[in-house]
Amino acid sequence: MHTPTLEDLDLATISLIFALRDSLTDDGPSRLDFWNLRATTAVETAAAGAANFGQAVTIACRKLQIPALSKSGAERIIEAGQIIDMDYAAWARHIAQNIVYIVAIARVENSEIQAARKTAKEAK
């Protein structure tokens, strides 16, 4: 079995974060609240409180008031889980030490995606 690198774990966690963001509902936190703190605490709590990735997803969804993942979110979760479950304990330790940094990377990526969409829309 392949042991995931720290970069693999970062990328899988970013996929998890985007899956959670894409699955937010009107009953849960706003996207602004999600990026300001909720993503960090949801993933950190999930990693610390679960024994495997499936449990971590459930915990994160509960913290964010997500009753079910969106279709695109579910697809991202499956991909992320395949990497994270290779060494769940390593991922949980990595999250405990690096979650703020990982969410910052995801937030920058989110801003870049939004800027690209805005540019494409203005070009039409």
PDB file of N, CA and C in Angstrom:
ATOM      1  N   MET A   1       0.841  -1.183   0.000  1.00  0.00           N
ATOM      2  CA  MET A   1       0.000   0.000   0.000  1.00  0.00           C
ATOM      3  C   MET A   1       0.887   1.248   0.000  1.00  0.00           C
ATOM      4  N   HIS A   2       0.553   2.203  -0.822  1.00  0.00           N
ATOM      5  CA  HIS A   2       1.274   3.469  -0.947  1.00  0.00           C
ATOM      6  C   HIS A   2       1.020   4.333   0.288  1.00  0.00           C
ATOM      7  N   THR A   3       2.075   4.886   0.834  1.00  0.00           N
ATOM      8  CA  THR A   3       1.935   5.817   1.951  1.00  0.00           C
ATOM      9  C   THR A   3       1.841   7.221   1.370  1.00  0.00           C
ATOM     10  N   PRO A   4       0.773   7.958   1.678  1.00  0.00           N
ATOM     11  CA  PRO A   4       0.627   9.293   1.112  1.00  0.00           C
ATOM     12  C   PRO A   4       1.682  10.262   1.652  1.00  0.00           C
ATOM     13  N   THR A   5       2.143  11.138   0.777  1.00  0.00           N
ATOM     14  CA  THR A   5       3.082  12.181   1.182  1.00  0.00           C
ATOM     15  C   THR A   5       2.303  13.305   1.867  1.00  0.00           C
ATOM     16  N   LEU A   6       3.024  14.222   2.476  1.00  0.00           N
ATOM     17  CA  LEU A   6       2.359  15.377   3.092  1.00  0.00           C
ATOM     18  C   LEU A   6       1.619  16.192   2.041  1.00  0.00           C
ATOM     19  N   GLU A   7       2.194  16.294   0.855  1.00  0.00           N
ATOM     20  CA  GLU A   7       1.518  17.011  -0.234  1.00  0.00           C
ATOM     21  C   GLU A   7       0.230  16.286  -0.630  1.00  0.00           C
ATOM     22  N   ASP A   8       0.275  14.950  -0.695  1.00  0.00           N
ATOM     23  CA  ASP A   8      -0.937  14.171  -0.980  1.00  0.00           C
ATOM     24  C   ASP A   8      -2.013  14.470   0.065  1.00  0.00           C
ATOM     25  N   LEU A   9      -1.609  14.502   1.328  1.00  0.00           N
ATOM     26  CA  LEU A   9      -2.561  14.770   2.411  1.00  0.00           C
ATOM     27  C   LEU A   9      -3.119  16.187   2.320  1.00  0.00           C
ATOM     28  N   ASP A  10      -2.269  17.149   1.964  1.00  0.00           N
ATOM     29  CA  ASP A  10      -2.741  18.528   1.774  1.00  0.00           C
ATOM     30  C   ASP A  10      -3.793  18.591   0.668  1.00  0.00           C
ATOM     31  N   LEU A  11      -3.481  17.983  -0.477  1.00  0.00           N
ATOM     32  CA  LEU A  11      -4.397  18.026  -1.620  1.00  0.00           C
ATOM     33  C   LEU A  11      -5.709  17.312  -1.310  1.00  0.00           C
ATOM     34  N   ALA A  12      -5.629  16.188  -0.618  1.00  0.00           N
ATOM     35  CA  ALA A  12      -6.844  15.469  -0.237  1.00  0.00           C
ATOM     36  C   ALA A  12      -7.678  16.304   0.728  1.00  0.00           C
ATOM     37  N   THR A  13      -7.026  16.988   1.645  1.00  0.00           N
ATOM     38  CA  THR A  13      -7.742  17.834   2.604  1.00  0.00           C
ATOM     39  C   THR A  13      -8.388  19.018   1.896  1.00  0.00           C
ATOM     40  N   ILE A  14      -7.701  19.586   0.932  1.00  0.00           N
ATOM     41  CA  ILE A  14      -8.285  20.683   0.152  1.00  0.00           C
ATOM     42  C   ILE A  14      -9.517  20.186  -0.598  1.00  0.00           C
ATOM     43  N   SER A  15      -9.456  18.983  -1.146  1.00  0.00           N
ATOM     44  CA  SER A  15     -10.637  18.399  -1.794  1.00  0.00           C
ATOM     45  C   SER A  15     -11.778  18.236  -0.796  1.00  0.00           C
ATOM     46  N   LEU A  16     -11.459  17.780   0.403  1.00  0.00           N
ATOM     47  CA  LEU A  16     -12.468  17.655   1.458  1.00  0.00           C
ATOM     48  C   LEU A  16     -13.087  19.014   1.759  1.00  0.00           C
ATOM     49  N   ILE A  17     -12.267  20.030   1.885  1.00  0.00           N
ATOM     50  CA  ILE A  17     -12.758  21.377   2.195  1.00  0.00           C
ATOM     51  C   ILE A  17     -13.696  21.877   1.099  1.00  0.00           C
ATOM     52  N   PHE A  18     -13.319  21.696  -0.160  1.00  0.00           N
ATOM     53  CA  PHE A  18     -14.185  22.133  -1.260  1.00  0.00           C
ATOM     54  C   PHE A  18     -15.470  21.309  -1.320  1.00  0.00           C
ATOM     55  N   ALA A  19     -15.392  20.027  -1.003  1.00  0.00           N
ATOM     56  CA  ALA A  19     -16.598  19.196  -0.971  1.00  0.00           C
ATOM     57  C   ALA A  19     -17.564  19.703   0.093  1.00  0.00           C
ATOM     58  N   LEU A  20     -17.030  20.051   1.245  1.00  0.00           N
ATOM     59  CA  LEU A  20     -17.870  20.599   2.309  1.00  0.00           C
ATOM     60  C   LEU A  20     -18.455  21.943   1.886  1.00  0.00           C
ATOM     61  N   ARG A  21     -17.634  22.796   1.309  1.00  0.00           N
ATOM     62  CA  ARG A  21     -18.118  24.109   0.855  1.00  0.00           C
ATOM     63  C   ARG A  21     -19.235  23.955  -0.171  1.00  0.00           C
ATOM     64  N   ASP A  22     -19.056  23.040  -1.117  1.00  0.00           N
ATOM     65  CA  ASP A  22     -20.055  22.838  -2.167  1.00  0.00           C
ATOM     66  C   ASP A  22     -21.352  22.243  -1.635  1.00  0.00           C
ATOM     67  N   SER A  23     -21.314  21.691  -0.438  1.00  0.00           N
ATOM     68  CA  SER A  23     -22.489  21.039   0.145  1.00  0.00           C
ATOM     69  C   SER A  23     -23.197  21.891   1.190  1.00  0.00           C
ATOM     70  N   LEU A  24     -22.720  23.111   1.426  1.00  0.00           N
ATOM     71  CA  LEU A  24     -23.371  23.992   2.402  1.00  0.00           C
ATOM     72  C   LEU A  24     -24.818  24.241   2.004  1.00  0.00           C
ATOM     73  N   THR A  25     -25.677  24.370   2.996  1.00  0.00           N
ATOM     74  CA  THR A  25     -27.090  24.649   2.748  1.00  0.00           C
ATOM     75  C   THR A  25     -27.459  25.990   3.378  1.00  0.00           C
ATOM     76  N   ASP A  26     -28.659  26.448   3.096  1.00  0.00           N
ATOM     77  CA  ASP A  26     -29.136  27.703   3.686  1.00  0.00           C
ATOM     78  C   ASP A  26     -29.309  27.596   5.195  1.00  0.00           C
ATOM     79  N   ASP A  27     -29.438  26.380   5.704  1.00  0.00           N
ATOM     80  CA  ASP A  27     -29.629  26.174   7.142  1.00  0.00           C
ATOM     81  C   ASP A  27     -28.321  26.209   7.925  1.00  0.00           C
ATOM     82  N   GLY A  28     -27.199  26.160   7.240  1.00  0.00           N
ATOM     83  CA  GLY A  28     -25.896  26.125   7.898  1.00  0.00           C
ATOM     84  C   GLY A  28     -25.187  27.462   7.795  1.00  0.00           C
ATOM     85  N   PRO A  29     -23.887  27.446   8.005  1.00  0.00           N
ATOM     86  CA  PRO A  29     -23.116  28.691   7.947  1.00  0.00           C
ATOM     87  C   PRO A  29     -23.064  29.260   6.532  1.00  0.00           C
ATOM     88  N   SER A  30     -22.879  30.566   6.443  1.00  0.00           N
ATOM     89  CA  SER A  30     -22.696  31.198   5.136  1.00  0.00           C
ATOM     90  C   SER A  30     -21.315  30.834   4.604  1.00  0.00           C
ATOM     91  N   ARG A  31     -21.091  31.094   3.330  1.00  0.00           N
ATOM     92  CA  ARG A  31     -19.764  30.812   2.766  1.00  0.00           C
ATOM     93  C   ARG A  31     -18.696  31.683   3.422  1.00  0.00           C
ATOM     94  N   LEU A  32     -19.052  32.903   3.776  1.00  0.00           N
ATOM     95  CA  LEU A  32     -18.095  33.778   4.458  1.00  0.00           C
ATOM     96  C   LEU A  32     -17.709  33.185   5.814  1.00  0.00           C
ATOM     97  N   ASP A  33     -18.693  32.752   6.584  1.00  0.00           N
ATOM     98  CA  ASP A  33     -18.400  32.102   7.871  1.00  0.00           C
ATOM     99  C   ASP A  33     -17.591  30.830   7.670  1.00  0.00           C
ATOM    100  N   PHE A  34     -17.913  30.097   6.613  1.00  0.00           N
ATOM    101  CA  PHE A  34     -17.191  28.862   6.312  1.00  0.00           C
ATOM    102  C   PHE A  34     -15.703  29.146   6.170  1.00  0.00           C
ATOM    103  N   TRP A  35     -15.347  30.149   5.366  1.00  0.00           N
ATOM    104  CA  TRP A  35     -13.933  30.445   5.126  1.00  0.00           C
ATOM    105  C   TRP A  35     -13.278  31.132   6.317  1.00  0.00           C
ATOM    106  N   ASN A  36     -14.027  31.897   7.088  1.00  0.00           N
ATOM    107  CA  ASN A  36     -13.423  32.639   8.197  1.00  0.00           C
ATOM    108  C   ASN A  36     -13.029  31.769   9.372  1.00  0.00           C
ATOM    109  N   LEU A  37     -13.736  30.698   9.637  1.00  0.00           N
ATOM    110  CA  LEU A  37     -13.361  29.858  10.781  1.00  0.00           C
ATOM    111  C   LEU A  37     -13.955  28.466  10.731  1.00  0.00           C
ATOM    112  N   ARG A  38     -15.145  28.346  10.216  1.00  0.00           N
ATOM    113  CA  ARG A  38     -15.873  27.081  10.335  1.00  0.00           C
ATOM    114  C   ARG A  38     -15.182  25.919   9.631  1.00  0.00           C
ATOM    115  N   ALA A  39     -14.574  26.156   8.481  1.00  0.00           N
ATOM    116  CA  ALA A  39     -13.880  25.061   7.780  1.00  0.00           C
ATOM    117  C   ALA A  39     -12.752  24.517   8.642  1.00  0.00           C
ATOM    118  N   THR A  40     -11.994  25.414   9.224  1.00  0.00           N
ATOM    119  CA  THR A  40     -10.864  25.009  10.065  1.00  0.00           C
ATOM    120  C   THR A  40     -11.331  24.167  11.243  1.00  0.00           C
ATOM    121  N   THR A  41     -12.315  24.655  11.980  1.00  0.00           N
ATOM    122  CA  THR A  41     -12.757  23.922  13.165  1.00  0.00           C
ATOM    123  C   THR A  41     -13.463  22.622  12.806  1.00  0.00           C
ATOM    124  N   ALA A  42     -14.203  22.605  11.714  1.00  0.00           N
ATOM    125  CA  ALA A  42     -14.910  21.379  11.321  1.00  0.00           C
ATOM    126  C   ALA A  42     -13.928  20.267  10.972  1.00  0.00           C
ATOM    127  N   VAL A  43     -12.928  20.578  10.165  1.00  0.00           N
ATOM    128  CA  VAL A  43     -11.962  19.553   9.760  1.00  0.00           C
ATOM    129  C   VAL A  43     -11.087  19.146  10.940  1.00  0.00           C
ATOM    130  N   GLU A  44     -10.667  20.113  11.726  1.00  0.00           N
ATOM    131  CA  GLU A  44      -9.822  19.806  12.883  1.00  0.00           C
ATOM    132  C   GLU A  44     -10.561  18.912  13.886  1.00  0.00           C
ATOM    133  N   THR A  45     -11.803  19.244  14.182  1.00  0.00           N
ATOM    134  CA  THR A  45     -12.601  18.438  15.104  1.00  0.00           C
ATOM    135  C   THR A  45     -12.852  17.047  14.534  1.00  0.00           C
ATOM    136  N   ALA A  46     -13.143  16.990  13.242  1.00  0.00           N
ATOM    137  CA  ALA A  46     -13.405  15.706  12.591  1.00  0.00           C
ATOM    138  C   ALA A  46     -12.185  14.798  12.640  1.00  0.00           C
ATOM    139  N   ALA A  47     -11.029  15.340  12.314  1.00  0.00           N
ATOM    140  CA  ALA A  47      -9.803  14.534  12.309  1.00  0.00           C
ATOM    141  C   ALA A  47      -9.483  14.013  13.703  1.00  0.00           C
ATOM    142  N   ALA A  48      -9.681  14.852  14.706  1.00  0.00           N
ATOM    143  CA  ALA A  48      -9.351  14.459  16.082  1.00  0.00           C
ATOM    144  C   ALA A  48     -10.358  13.479  16.670  1.00  0.00           C
ATOM    145  N   GLY A  49     -11.596  13.550  16.222  1.00  0.00           N
ATOM    146  CA  GLY A  49     -12.642  12.760  16.853  1.00  0.00           C
ATOM    147  C   GLY A  49     -13.043  11.490  16.143  1.00  0.00           C
ATOM    148  N   ALA A  50     -12.392  11.178  15.041  1.00  0.00           N
ATOM    149  CA  ALA A  50     -12.783  10.008  14.253  1.00  0.00           C
ATOM    150  C   ALA A  50     -11.674   8.969  14.205  1.00  0.00           C
ATOM    151  N   ALA A  51     -12.065   7.752  13.893  1.00  0.00           N
ATOM    152  CA  ALA A  51     -11.099   6.658  13.750  1.00  0.00           C
ATOM    153  C   ALA A  51     -10.784   6.367  12.290  1.00  0.00           C
ATOM    154  N   ASN A  52     -11.620   6.918  11.378  1.00  0.00           N
ATOM    155  CA  ASN A  52     -11.389   6.717   9.949  1.00  0.00           C
ATOM    156  C   ASN A  52     -12.014   7.876   9.180  1.00  0.00           C
ATOM    157  N   PHE A  53     -11.769   7.909   7.890  1.00  0.00           N
ATOM    158  CA  PHE A  53     -12.209   9.040   7.086  1.00  0.00           C
ATOM    159  C   PHE A  53     -13.729   9.152   7.019  1.00  0.00           C
ATOM    160  N   GLY A  54     -14.429   8.041   6.905  1.00  0.00           N
ATOM    161  CA  GLY A  54     -15.890   8.091   6.856  1.00  0.00           C
ATOM    162  C   GLY A  54     -16.477   8.760   8.087  1.00  0.00           C
ATOM    163  N   GLN A  55     -15.947   8.416   9.241  1.00  0.00           N
ATOM    164  CA  GLN A  55     -16.406   9.057  10.474  1.00  0.00           C
ATOM    165  C   GLN A  55     -16.051  10.540  10.476  1.00  0.00           C
ATOM    166  N   ALA A  56     -14.880  10.878   9.979  1.00  0.00           N
ATOM    167  CA  ALA A  56     -14.453  12.281   9.938  1.00  0.00           C
ATOM    168  C   ALA A  56     -15.390  13.111   9.067  1.00  0.00           C
ATOM    169  N   VAL A  57     -15.795  12.572   7.934  1.00  0.00           N
ATOM    170  CA  VAL A  57     -16.723  13.285   7.049  1.00  0.00           C
ATOM    171  C   VAL A  57     -18.044  13.527   7.772  1.00  0.00           C
ATOM    172  N   THR A  58     -18.540  12.516   8.450  1.00  0.00           N
ATOM    173  CA  THR A  58     -19.800  12.651   9.180  1.00  0.00           C
ATOM    174  C   THR A  58     -19.698  13.726  10.258  1.00  0.00           C
ATOM    175  N   ILE A  59     -18.614  13.732  11.003  1.00  0.00           N
ATOM    176  CA  ILE A  59     -18.418  14.741  12.051  1.00  0.00           C
ATOM    177  C   ILE A  59     -18.335  16.142  11.443  1.00  0.00           C
ATOM    178  N   ALA A  60     -17.567  16.296  10.376  1.00  0.00           N
ATOM    179  CA  ALA A  60     -17.435  17.609   9.731  1.00  0.00           C
ATOM    180  C   ALA A  60     -18.783  18.090   9.203  1.00  0.00           C
ATOM    181  N   CYS A  61     -19.538  17.197   8.588  1.00  0.00           N
ATOM    182  CA  CYS A  61     -20.856  17.582   8.074  1.00  0.00           C
ATOM    183  C   CYS A  61     -21.787  18.008   9.204  1.00  0.00           C
ATOM    184  N   ARG A  62     -21.764  17.296  10.291  1.00  0.00           N
ATOM    185  CA  ARG A  62     -22.607  17.683  11.433  1.00  0.00           C
ATOM    186  C   ARG A  62     -22.222  19.064  11.950  1.00  0.00           C
ATOM    187  N   LYS A  63     -20.931  19.334  12.074  1.00  0.00           N
ATOM    188  CA  LYS A  63     -20.477  20.646  12.571  1.00  0.00           C
ATOM    189  C   LYS A  63     -20.915  21.773  11.649  1.00  0.00           C
ATOM    190  N   LEU A  64     -21.018  21.472  10.358  1.00  0.00           N
ATOM    191  CA  LEU A  64     -21.388  22.494   9.378  1.00  0.00           C
ATOM    192  C   LEU A  64     -22.872  22.444   9.009  1.00  0.00           C
ATOM    193  N   GLN A  65     -23.635  21.616   9.707  1.00  0.00           N
ATOM    194  CA  GLN A  65     -25.072  21.470   9.468  1.00  0.00           C
ATOM    195  C   GLN A  65     -25.363  21.060   8.022  1.00  0.00           C
ATOM    196  N   ILE A  66     -24.576  20.129   7.516  1.00  0.00           N
ATOM    197  CA  ILE A  66     -24.760  19.600   6.167  1.00  0.00           C
ATOM    198  C   ILE A  66     -25.445  18.242   6.307  1.00  0.00           C
ATOM    199  N   PRO A  67     -26.713  18.131   5.867  1.00  0.00           N
ATOM    200  CA  PRO A  67     -27.416  16.858   6.017  1.00  0.00           C
ATOM    201  C   PRO A  67     -26.968  15.792   5.014  1.00  0.00           C
ATOM    202  N   ALA A  68     -26.519  16.229   3.847  1.00  0.00           N
ATOM    203  CA  ALA A  68     -26.056  15.300   2.807  1.00  0.00           C
ATOM    204  C   ALA A  68     -25.102  16.052   1.890  1.00  0.00           C
ATOM    205  N   LEU A  69     -24.141  15.337   1.352  1.00  0.00           N
ATOM    206  CA  LEU A  69     -23.188  15.958   0.435  1.00  0.00           C
ATOM    207  C   LEU A  69     -23.824  16.170  -0.931  1.00  0.00           C
ATOM    208  N   SER A  70     -23.430  17.243  -1.599  1.00  0.00           N
ATOM    209  CA  SER A  70     -23.866  17.463  -2.970  1.00  0.00           C
ATOM    210  C   SER A  70     -23.232  16.398  -3.860  1.00  0.00           C
ATOM    211  N   LYS A  71     -23.723  16.271  -5.098  1.00  0.00           N
ATOM    212  CA  LYS A  71     -23.165  15.277  -6.017  1.00  0.00           C
ATOM    213  C   LYS A  71     -21.678  15.529  -6.246  1.00  0.00           C
ATOM    214  N   SER A  72     -21.326  16.770  -6.539  1.00  0.00           N
ATOM    215  CA  SER A  72     -19.908  17.081  -6.769  1.00  0.00           C
ATOM    216  C   SER A  72     -19.104  16.911  -5.481  1.00  0.00           C
ATOM    217  N   GLY A  73     -19.717  17.253  -4.358  1.00  0.00           N
ATOM    218  CA  GLY A  73     -19.050  17.071  -3.070  1.00  0.00           C
ATOM    219  C   GLY A  73     -18.780  15.610  -2.778  1.00  0.00           C
ATOM    220  N   ALA A  74     -19.751  14.765  -3.083  1.00  0.00           N
ATOM    221  CA  ALA A  74     -19.589  13.326  -2.849  1.00  0.00           C
ATOM    222  C   ALA A  74     -18.450  12.764  -3.693  1.00  0.00           C
ATOM    223  N   GLU A  75     -18.355  13.221  -4.933  1.00  0.00           N
ATOM    224  CA  GLU A  75     -17.276  12.742  -5.807  1.00  0.00           C
ATOM    225  C   GLU A  75     -15.908  13.146  -5.256  1.00  0.00           C
ATOM    226  N   ARG A  76     -15.800  14.372  -4.777  1.00  0.00           N
ATOM    227  CA  ARG A  76     -14.532  14.836  -4.194  1.00  0.00           C
ATOM    228  C   ARG A  76     -14.192  14.076  -2.915  1.00  0.00           C
ATOM    229  N   ILE A  77     -15.210  13.802  -2.116  1.00  0.00           N
ATOM    230  CA  ILE A  77     -15.007  13.079  -0.857  1.00  0.00           C
ATOM    231  C   ILE A  77     -14.443  11.688  -1.123  1.00  0.00           C
ATOM    232  N   ILE A  78     -14.979  11.012  -2.109  1.00  0.00           N
ATOM    233  CA  ILE A  78     -14.503   9.660  -2.429  1.00  0.00           C
ATOM    234  C   ILE A  78     -13.027   9.699  -2.806  1.00  0.00           C
ATOM    235  N   GLU A  79     -12.650  10.653  -3.653  1.00  0.00           N
ATOM    236  CA  GLU A  79     -11.242  10.780  -4.060  1.00  0.00           C
ATOM    237  C   GLU A  79     -10.352  11.102  -2.862  1.00  0.00           C
ATOM    238  N   ALA A  80     -10.785  12.034  -2.037  1.00  0.00           N
ATOM    239  CA  ALA A  80      -9.992  12.410  -0.858  1.00  0.00           C
ATOM    240  C   ALA A  80      -9.854  11.233   0.101  1.00  0.00           C
ATOM    241  N   GLY A  81     -10.936  10.515   0.294  1.00  0.00           N
ATOM    242  CA  GLY A  81     -10.928   9.386   1.215  1.00  0.00           C
ATOM    243  C   GLY A  81      -9.990   8.274   0.801  1.00  0.00           C
ATOM    244  N   GLN A  82      -9.854   8.066  -0.496  1.00  0.00           N
ATOM    245  CA  GLN A  82      -8.944   7.025  -0.972  1.00  0.00           C
ATOM    246  C   GLN A  82      -7.511   7.324  -0.553  1.00  0.00           C
ATOM    247  N   ILE A  83      -7.154   8.585  -0.517  1.00  0.00           N
ATOM    248  CA  ILE A  83      -5.797   8.977  -0.109  1.00  0.00           C
ATOM    249  C   ILE A  83      -5.681   8.983   1.415  1.00  0.00           C
ATOM    250  N   ILE A  84      -6.614   9.628   2.071  1.00  0.00           N
ATOM    251  CA  ILE A  84      -6.536   9.795   3.525  1.00  0.00           C
ATOM    252  C   ILE A  84      -6.616   8.460   4.256  1.00  0.00           C
ATOM    253  N   ASP A  85      -7.467   7.562   3.796  1.00  0.00           N
ATOM    254  CA  ASP A  85      -7.598   6.268   4.472  1.00  0.00           C
ATOM    255  C   ASP A  85      -6.378   5.369   4.309  1.00  0.00           C
ATOM    256  N   MET A  86      -5.446   5.734   3.429  1.00  0.00           N
ATOM    257  CA  MET A  86      -4.201   4.959   3.328  1.00  0.00           C
ATOM    258  C   MET A  86      -3.414   5.029   4.632  1.00  0.00           C
ATOM    259  N   ASP A  87      -3.509   6.179   5.313  1.00  0.00           N
ATOM    260  CA  ASP A  87      -2.841   6.343   6.611  1.00  0.00           C
ATOM    261  C   ASP A  87      -3.598   7.410   7.400  1.00  0.00           C
ATOM    262  N   TYR A  88      -4.753   7.004   7.924  1.00  0.00           N
ATOM    263  CA  TYR A  88      -5.618   7.952   8.617  1.00  0.00           C
ATOM    264  C   TYR A  88      -4.914   8.616   9.797  1.00  0.00           C
ATOM    265  N   ALA A  89      -4.149   7.851  10.548  1.00  0.00           N
ATOM    266  CA  ALA A  89      -3.466   8.409  11.724  1.00  0.00           C
ATOM    267  C   ALA A  89      -2.493   9.513  11.317  1.00  0.00           C
ATOM    268  N   ALA A  90      -1.780   9.311  10.204  1.00  0.00           N
ATOM    269  CA  ALA A  90      -0.853  10.343   9.718  1.00  0.00           C
ATOM    270  C   ALA A  90      -1.630  11.589   9.314  1.00  0.00           C
ATOM    271  N   TRP A  91      -2.786  11.400   8.678  1.00  0.00           N
ATOM    272  CA  TRP A  91      -3.602  12.546   8.278  1.00  0.00           C
ATOM    273  C   TRP A  91      -4.086  13.311   9.510  1.00  0.00           C
ATOM    274  N   ALA A  92      -4.563  12.589  10.515  1.00  0.00           N
ATOM    275  CA  ALA A  92      -5.057  13.249  11.727  1.00  0.00           C
ATOM    276  C   ALA A  92      -3.950  14.067  12.392  1.00  0.00           C
ATOM    277  N   ARG A  93      -2.744  13.511  12.444  1.00  0.00           N
ATOM    278  CA  ARG A  93      -1.605  14.262  13.016  1.00  0.00           C
ATOM    279  C   ARG A  93      -1.287  15.483  12.151  1.00  0.00           C
ATOM    280  N   HIS A  94      -1.309  15.296  10.849  1.00  0.00           N
ATOM    281  CA  HIS A  94      -1.009  16.385   9.915  1.00  0.00           C
ATOM    282  C   HIS A  94      -2.029  17.519  10.071  1.00  0.00           C
ATOM    283  N   ILE A  95      -3.287  17.161  10.212  1.00  0.00           N
ATOM    284  CA  ILE A  95      -4.335  18.169  10.405  1.00  0.00           C
ATOM    285  C   ILE A  95      -4.114  18.926  11.711  1.00  0.00           C
ATOM    286  N   ALA A  96      -3.801  18.217  12.770  1.00  0.00           N
ATOM    287  CA  ALA A  96      -3.576  18.863  14.069  1.00  0.00           C
ATOM    288  C   ALA A  96      -2.459  19.894  13.991  1.00  0.00           C
ATOM    289  N   GLN A  97      -1.489  19.650  13.149  1.00  0.00           N
ATOM    290  CA  GLN A  97      -0.328  20.539  13.051  1.00  0.00           C
ATOM    291  C   GLN A  97      -0.441  21.590  11.951  1.00  0.00           C
ATOM    292  N   ASN A  98      -1.278  21.355  10.925  1.00  0.00           N
ATOM    293  CA  ASN A  98      -1.227  22.200   9.726  1.00  0.00           C
ATOM    294  C   ASN A  98      -2.564  22.694   9.194  1.00  0.00           C
ATOM    295  N   ILE A  99      -3.667  22.509   9.902  1.00  0.00           N
ATOM    296  CA  ILE A  99      -4.968  22.826   9.322  1.00  0.00           C
ATOM    297  C   ILE A  99      -5.109  24.293   8.932  1.00  0.00           C
ATOM    298  N   VAL A 100      -4.595  25.208   9.701  1.00  0.00           N
ATOM    299  CA  VAL A 100      -4.732  26.632   9.357  1.00  0.00           C
ATOM    300  C   VAL A 100      -4.034  26.921   8.028  1.00  0.00           C
ATOM    301  N   TYR A 101      -2.865  26.364   7.845  1.00  0.00           N
ATOM    302  CA  TYR A 101      -2.117  26.529   6.597  1.00  0.00           C
ATOM    303  C   TYR A 101      -2.869  25.901   5.423  1.00  0.00           C
ATOM    304  N   ILE A 102      -3.412  24.708   5.611  1.00  0.00           N
ATOM    305  CA  ILE A 102      -4.118  24.017   4.528  1.00  0.00           C
ATOM    306  C   ILE A 102      -5.367  24.793   4.128  1.00  0.00           C
ATOM    307  N   VAL A 103      -6.113  25.303   5.093  1.00  0.00           N
ATOM    308  CA  VAL A 103      -7.301  26.102   4.774  1.00  0.00           C
ATOM    309  C   VAL A 103      -6.895  27.385   4.055  1.00  0.00           C
ATOM    310  N   ALA A 104      -5.767  27.964   4.422  1.00  0.00           N
ATOM    311  CA  ALA A 104      -5.282  29.163   3.720  1.00  0.00           C
ATOM    312  C   ALA A 104      -5.011  28.849   2.249  1.00  0.00           C
ATOM    313  N   ILE A 105      -4.399  27.712   1.977  1.00  0.00           N
ATOM    314  CA  ILE A 105      -4.149  27.304   0.587  1.00  0.00           C
ATOM    315  C   ILE A 105      -5.475  27.148  -0.151  1.00  0.00           C
ATOM    316  N   ALA A 106      -6.435  26.482   0.478  1.00  0.00           N
ATOM    317  CA  ALA A 106      -7.742  26.283  -0.144  1.00  0.00           C
ATOM    318  C   ALA A 106      -8.443  27.617  -0.389  1.00  0.00           C
ATOM    319  N   ARG A 107      -8.304  28.534   0.549  1.00  0.00           N
ATOM    320  CA  ARG A 107      -8.952  29.838   0.405  1.00  0.00           C
ATOM    321  C   ARG A 107      -8.350  30.630  -0.760  1.00  0.00           C
ATOM    322  N   VAL A 108      -7.036  30.569  -0.913  1.00  0.00           N
ATOM    323  CA  VAL A 108      -6.385  31.235  -2.049  1.00  0.00           C
ATOM    324  C   VAL A 108      -6.857  30.602  -3.353  1.00  0.00           C
ATOM    325  N   GLU A 109      -6.910  29.281  -3.382  1.00  0.00           N
ATOM    326  CA  GLU A 109      -7.392  28.585  -4.579  1.00  0.00           C
ATOM    327  C   GLU A 109      -8.828  28.996  -4.893  1.00  0.00           C
ATOM    328  N   ASN A 110      -9.669  29.111  -3.874  1.00  0.00           N
ATOM    329  CA  ASN A 110     -11.048  29.543  -4.060  1.00  0.00           C
ATOM    330  C   ASN A 110     -11.102  30.954  -4.652  1.00  0.00           C
ATOM    331  N   SER A 111     -10.267  31.851  -4.156  1.00  0.00           N
ATOM    332  CA  SER A 111     -10.223  33.228  -4.682  1.00  0.00           C
ATOM    333  C   SER A 111      -9.782  33.246  -6.136  1.00  0.00           C
ATOM    334  N   GLU A 112      -8.814  32.402  -6.478  1.00  0.00           N
ATOM    335  CA  GLU A 112      -8.342  32.325  -7.862  1.00  0.00           C
ATOM    336  C   GLU A 112      -9.437  31.807  -8.789  1.00  0.00           C
ATOM    337  N   ILE A 113     -10.200  30.832  -8.331  1.00  0.00           N
ATOM    338  CA  ILE A 113     -11.307  30.294  -9.127  1.00  0.00           C
ATOM    339  C   ILE A 113     -12.363  31.371  -9.342  1.00  0.00           C
ATOM    340  N   GLN A 114     -12.702  32.112  -8.284  1.00  0.00           N
ATOM    341  CA  GLN A 114     -13.690  33.183  -8.401  1.00  0.00           C
ATOM    342  C   GLN A 114     -13.221  34.265  -9.368  1.00  0.00           C
ATOM    343  N   ALA A 115     -11.948  34.644  -9.292  1.00  0.00           N
ATOM    344  CA  ALA A 115     -11.406  35.669 -10.186  1.00  0.00           C
ATOM    345  C   ALA A 115     -11.452  35.198 -11.635  1.00  0.00           C
ATOM    346  N   ALA A 116     -11.128  33.946 -11.874  1.00  0.00           N
ATOM    347  CA  ALA A 116     -11.163  33.403 -13.235  1.00  0.00           C
ATOM    348  C   ALA A 116     -12.591  33.388 -13.774  1.00  0.00           C
ATOM    349  N   ARG A 117     -13.551  33.037 -12.934  1.00  0.00           N
ATOM    350  CA  ARG A 117     -14.960  33.050 -13.357  1.00  0.00           C
ATOM    351  C   ARG A 117     -15.415  34.465 -13.692  1.00  0.00           C
ATOM    352  N   LYS A 118     -15.006  35.427 -12.868  1.00  0.00           N
ATOM    353  CA  LYS A 118     -15.389  36.820 -13.100  1.00  0.00           C
ATOM    354  C   LYS A 118     -14.796  37.319 -14.413  1.00  0.00           C
ATOM    355  N   THR A 119     -13.534  36.993 -14.658  1.00  0.00           N
ATOM    356  CA  THR A 119     -12.874  37.396 -15.903  1.00  0.00           C
ATOM    357  C   THR A 119     -13.566  36.771 -17.103  1.00  0.00           C
ATOM    358  N   ALA A 120     -13.905  35.504 -17.004  1.00  0.00           N
ATOM    359  CA  ALA A 120     -14.582  34.812 -18.106  1.00  0.00           C
ATOM    360  C   ALA A 120     -15.959  35.416 -18.355  1.00  0.00           C
ATOM    361  N   LYS A 121     -16.656  35.766 -17.292  1.00  0.00           N
ATOM    362  CA  LYS A 121     -17.985  36.361 -17.418  1.00  0.00           C
ATOM    363  C   LYS A 121     -17.901  37.738 -18.070  1.00  0.00           C
ATOM    364  N   GLU A 122     -16.905  38.519 -17.683  1.00  0.00           N
ATOM    365  CA  GLU A 122     -16.731  39.858 -18.250  1.00  0.00           C
ATOM    366  C   GLU A 122     -16.315  39.797 -19.713  1.00  0.00           C
ATOM    367  N   ALA A 123     -15.644  38.735 -20.105  1.00  0.00           N
ATOM    368  CA  ALA A 123     -15.183  38.589 -21.486  1.00  0.00           C
ATOM    369  C   ALA A 123     -16.329  38.258 -22.440  1.00  0.00           C
ATOM    370  N   LYS A 124     -17.445  37.779 -21.900  1.00  0.00           N
ATOM    371  CA  LYS A 124     -18.586  37.394 -22.753  1.00  0.00           C
ATOM    372  C   LYS A 124     -19.328  38.573 -23.266  1.00  0.00           C
TER     373      LYS A 124
END
